[in-house]
Protein backbone atom coordinates (compact mmCIF):
# COMPACT_ATOMS: atom_id res chain seq x y z
CA MET A 1 -14.58 -45.43 40.26
CA LYS A 2 -13.72 -47.98 37.75
CA HIS A 3 -10.19 -48.46 36.48
CA PRO A 4 -9.98 -47.07 32.82
CA CYS A 5 -8.51 -50.51 31.97
CA THR A 6 -11.84 -52.19 33.12
CA ARG A 7 -13.77 -49.97 30.62
CA ILE A 8 -11.73 -51.19 27.94
CA LEU A 9 -11.51 -55.03 28.81
CA LEU A 10 -15.24 -55.49 29.65
CA PRO A 11 -16.44 -55.12 26.05
CA ILE A 12 -13.96 -57.15 24.89
CA ILE A 13 -14.59 -59.97 27.24
CA VAL A 14 -18.43 -59.51 26.49
CA LEU A 15 -17.38 -59.98 22.54
CA LEU A 16 -15.38 -62.96 23.31
CA ILE A 17 -18.20 -64.78 25.27
CA THR A 18 -20.92 -64.07 22.91
CA ALA A 19 -19.18 -64.06 19.54
CA PRO A 20 -19.78 -67.99 19.06
CA LEU A 21 -23.40 -67.60 19.80
CA LEU A 22 -23.59 -64.58 17.30
CA PHE A 23 -21.63 -66.52 14.37
CA SER A 24 -22.22 -70.18 15.09
CA ARG A 25 -25.43 -70.02 12.63
CA THR A 26 -25.89 -68.61 9.25
CA SER A 27 -28.96 -66.04 8.92
CA PHE A 28 -31.31 -66.73 6.17
CA LYS A 29 -34.27 -64.87 4.76
CA PRO A 30 -37.80 -66.26 5.07
CA SER A 31 -37.81 -66.81 1.25
CA SER A 32 -34.99 -69.34 1.83
CA ARG A 33 -37.46 -71.87 2.74
CA ARG A 34 -39.28 -71.49 -0.45
CA LEU A 35 -36.21 -71.57 -2.43
CA ILE A 36 -34.98 -74.99 -1.35
CA VAL A 37 -38.68 -76.44 -1.47
CA ALA A 38 -38.92 -75.31 -5.18
CA LYS A 39 -35.51 -76.85 -5.81
CA ALA A 40 -36.71 -80.01 -4.08
CA GLN A 41 -39.67 -79.93 -6.13
CA SER A 42 -37.68 -79.65 -9.41
CA LEU A 43 -35.82 -82.84 -8.92
CA LEU A 44 -39.01 -84.82 -8.41
CA GLY A 45 -38.64 -87.79 -11.08
CA LYS A 46 -35.26 -86.75 -12.00
CA LYS A 47 -32.56 -89.46 -12.76
CA VAL A 48 -29.59 -87.14 -11.89
CA ILE A 49 -29.26 -84.72 -8.96
CA HIS A 50 -28.12 -81.29 -9.61
CA GLY A 51 -27.28 -78.70 -7.23
CA LYS A 52 -26.09 -75.19 -7.42
CA ASN A 53 -23.85 -74.22 -10.35
CA GLY A 54 -24.64 -77.79 -11.89
CA THR A 55 -22.84 -79.51 -9.33
CA VAL A 56 -23.78 -83.45 -9.61
CA PHE A 57 -24.39 -84.99 -6.33
CA HIS A 58 -24.55 -88.61 -5.42
CA TYR A 59 -28.05 -90.18 -6.15
CA ASP A 60 -29.30 -91.06 -2.64
CA CYS A 61 -31.15 -89.49 0.14
CA SER A 62 -28.20 -87.66 1.40
CA GLY A 63 -27.18 -86.38 -1.78
CA PHE A 64 -30.48 -85.04 -2.55
CA ILE A 65 -30.42 -83.01 0.76
CA GLN A 66 -27.13 -81.87 -0.07
CA ALA A 67 -27.94 -80.58 -3.34
CA VAL A 68 -31.09 -78.63 -2.30
CA TYR A 69 -29.01 -77.04 0.44
CA SER A 70 -26.26 -76.12 -1.67
CA TYR A 71 -28.39 -73.26 -3.20
CA LEU A 72 -28.13 -71.67 0.42
CA ASP A 73 -24.50 -72.39 0.21
CA ILE A 74 -24.61 -74.82 2.89
CA SER A 75 -22.09 -77.96 2.65
CA PHE A 76 -22.84 -80.42 5.46
CA THR A 77 -19.00 -81.35 5.79
CA ASP A 78 -17.76 -80.09 8.85
CA PRO A 79 -14.02 -79.77 8.95
CA VAL A 80 -13.79 -79.65 12.73
CA ALA A 81 -16.55 -82.28 13.72
CA ARG A 82 -15.81 -86.02 13.47
CA GLN A 83 -17.27 -87.24 10.03
CA THR A 84 -18.64 -90.80 9.46
CA GLN A 85 -18.91 -92.78 6.40
CA PHE A 86 -22.82 -92.20 6.41
CA GLN A 87 -23.80 -89.09 5.16
CA SER A 88 -27.22 -88.90 6.54
CA LEU A 89 -25.45 -89.02 10.15
CA ASN A 90 -23.20 -86.43 9.12
CA ILE A 91 -26.32 -84.16 7.95
CA TYR A 92 -27.83 -84.79 11.41
CA LYS A 93 -24.71 -83.78 13.25
CA TYR A 94 -24.63 -80.40 11.16
CA CYS A 95 -28.03 -79.75 12.27
CA LYS A 96 -27.33 -80.34 16.01
CA LYS A 97 -24.44 -78.23 15.92
CA ASN A 98 -25.43 -75.34 13.42
CA GLY A 99 -29.33 -75.60 13.88
CA THR A 100 -31.93 -77.21 15.86
CA VAL A 101 -32.87 -80.77 16.04
CA PHE A 102 -36.53 -81.52 17.64
CA ILE A 103 -39.21 -83.83 17.96
CA GLY A 104 -42.81 -83.33 19.31
CA THR A 105 -43.72 -80.22 17.45
CA LEU A 106 -44.33 -80.04 13.53
CA PRO A 107 -41.52 -78.98 11.29
CA LYS A 108 -41.83 -76.35 8.73
CA PRO A 109 -41.27 -76.60 4.73
CA GLY A 110 -37.68 -76.65 4.15
CA ASP A 111 -36.87 -78.84 7.40
CA ILE A 112 -34.94 -82.20 7.09
CA ILE A 113 -36.55 -85.21 8.29
CA PHE A 114 -34.34 -88.09 10.01
CA PHE A 115 -35.49 -91.57 10.05
CA ASP A 116 -34.13 -94.66 12.09
CA ASN A 117 -34.14 -98.30 10.96
CA THR A 118 -35.40 -97.89 7.47
CA TYR A 119 -33.05 -100.94 6.73
CA ASP A 120 -30.75 -103.00 8.39
CA ARG A 121 -27.50 -100.83 7.80
CA ASN A 122 -24.99 -103.02 10.07
CA LYS A 123 -26.81 -106.36 8.89
CA ASN A 124 -26.97 -107.73 12.47
CA ASN A 125 -30.68 -108.39 12.28
CA ARG A 126 -31.41 -105.80 15.26
CA LEU A 127 -33.28 -102.68 15.27
CA ASP A 128 -30.55 -100.52 16.27
CA ASP A 129 -29.65 -98.40 12.94
CA ARG A 130 -29.95 -94.96 13.83
CA ILE A 131 -30.32 -92.13 11.01
CA THR A 132 -30.63 -94.46 8.03
CA HIS A 133 -32.60 -92.05 5.70
CA VAL A 134 -33.52 -88.26 5.29
CA GLY A 135 -35.97 -86.21 3.38
CA LEU A 136 -37.16 -82.74 2.91
CA VAL A 137 -40.48 -81.29 4.39
CA GLU A 138 -42.46 -79.89 1.39
CA ARG A 139 -45.65 -79.34 3.09
CA VAL A 140 -47.46 -79.57 6.38
CA GLN A 141 -51.23 -79.85 6.64
CA THR A 142 -53.85 -78.85 9.15
CA ASN A 143 -54.45 -82.72 9.85
CA HIS A 144 -50.79 -83.00 10.87
CA THR A 145 -49.92 -84.87 7.57
CA ILE A 146 -46.51 -83.88 6.36
CA THR A 147 -45.43 -84.27 2.70
CA PHE A 148 -41.89 -84.79 2.12
CA ILE A 149 -39.65 -85.40 -0.82
CA HIS A 150 -36.92 -88.04 -0.64
CA VAL A 151 -35.13 -90.78 -2.85
CA THR A 152 -35.97 -94.24 -2.92
CA THR A 153 -33.91 -97.33 -4.08
CA ARG A 154 -36.76 -98.37 -6.44
CA LYS A 155 -38.94 -95.38 -7.63
CA GLY A 156 -36.08 -92.52 -7.47
CA ILE A 157 -37.21 -88.93 -6.07
CA ILE A 158 -40.72 -89.03 -5.10
CA ARG A 159 -43.21 -87.52 -2.41
CA GLY A 160 -43.77 -89.58 0.89
CA TYR A 161 -46.20 -88.85 3.87
CA ILE A 162 -45.86 -88.77 7.47
CA ASN A 163 -48.92 -88.28 9.94
CA THR A 164 -47.78 -87.37 13.46
CA VAL A 165 -51.21 -88.00 15.15
CA LYS A 166 -51.57 -91.38 13.42
CA PRO A 167 -48.16 -92.70 12.67
CA THR A 168 -49.23 -96.63 12.58
CA VAL A 169 -51.91 -95.85 9.97
CA HIS A 170 -51.14 -96.18 6.32
CA ILE A 171 -54.34 -95.12 4.63
CA ALA A 172 -57.18 -92.72 6.03
CA ASP A 173 -60.19 -91.50 4.23
CA ASN A 174 -58.76 -93.09 1.08
CA SER A 175 -55.57 -90.96 1.09
CA ILE A 176 -51.85 -92.15 2.18
CA ILE A 177 -51.04 -90.60 5.51
CA ASN A 178 -48.12 -92.71 6.29
CA SER A 179 -45.72 -94.00 3.52
CA PHE A 180 -43.89 -97.22 3.60
CA LEU A 181 -40.12 -96.74 4.04
CA ARG A 182 -38.96 -100.04 5.09
CA ALA A 183 -39.37 -103.24 3.01
CA ARG A 184 -40.58 -106.35 4.68
CA ARG A 185 -38.12 -109.10 5.05
CA SER A 186 -38.37 -112.74 6.15
CA GLY A 187 -36.41 -112.30 9.12
CA ASP A 188 -38.21 -109.19 10.57
CA THR A 189 -39.24 -109.25 14.18
CA ALA A 190 -42.42 -108.56 15.77
CA LYS A 191 -41.08 -104.97 16.62
CA THR A 192 -39.95 -104.21 13.28
CA ARG A 193 -41.76 -101.09 12.01
CA TYR A 194 -42.45 -100.06 8.16
CA LEU A 195 -44.29 -96.80 8.19
CA ALA A 196 -42.67 -93.36 7.76
CA GLY A 197 -44.54 -92.02 10.96
CA GLU A 198 -43.02 -94.93 12.94
CA LEU A 199 -39.70 -94.53 11.67
CA VAL A 200 -39.23 -90.73 12.42
CA HIS A 201 -36.25 -90.13 14.67
CA ALA A 202 -36.35 -85.95 14.54
CA TYR A 203 -36.72 -83.20 12.42
CA GLY A 204 -33.90 -80.81 11.66
CA SER A 205 -33.93 -76.86 11.03
CA ILE A 206 -30.92 -75.07 9.82
CA ILE A 207 -33.02 -72.08 8.87
CA ASP A 208 -34.40 -70.06 11.74
CA HIS A 209 -37.42 -72.02 12.92
CA SER A 210 -39.31 -68.81 13.41
CA GLN A 211 -39.59 -68.10 9.73
């Protein structure tokens, strides 16, 4: 026969063990994906990035993601995790801690795309710049072409394209399937890549990926 204290303590111990799993991620409705994609679409061509309640965000790729996700009351600032001066890296760390970071399977609308080496961030002429750009998945086609929305230096907030089957091909069947993300420079090496499909690091999902 179990001691009475055992019957009392056992549920408490189980709760303490499972609590981080239960509360570490926020639960969202399936409509959350549609909401943030719609908000991203509403920013196409805009010169100022507004988020929830009219909050103005920095006009760059990270500010765009922060603005869109503000409508789900998500802030990518983690008071516990070590933050970097590069917001794209902070968003990546947040996804790893509070969601899912993955590669090899297709993302879903509303997921985040992380890119490497879109420019020489540390100015050392090496291809060692991790998570230099981010975008938001708008649509995924049956031919594995992903349409994403992002902020560019020259053209502002626009659509871009990735094809996971043909990452090294710019145009196929008279359509762009991989956008150029990195500008060509005179000092580029033979290993330098320029197309979006070649520069993808991973995808990130904060919303339940089963939705």
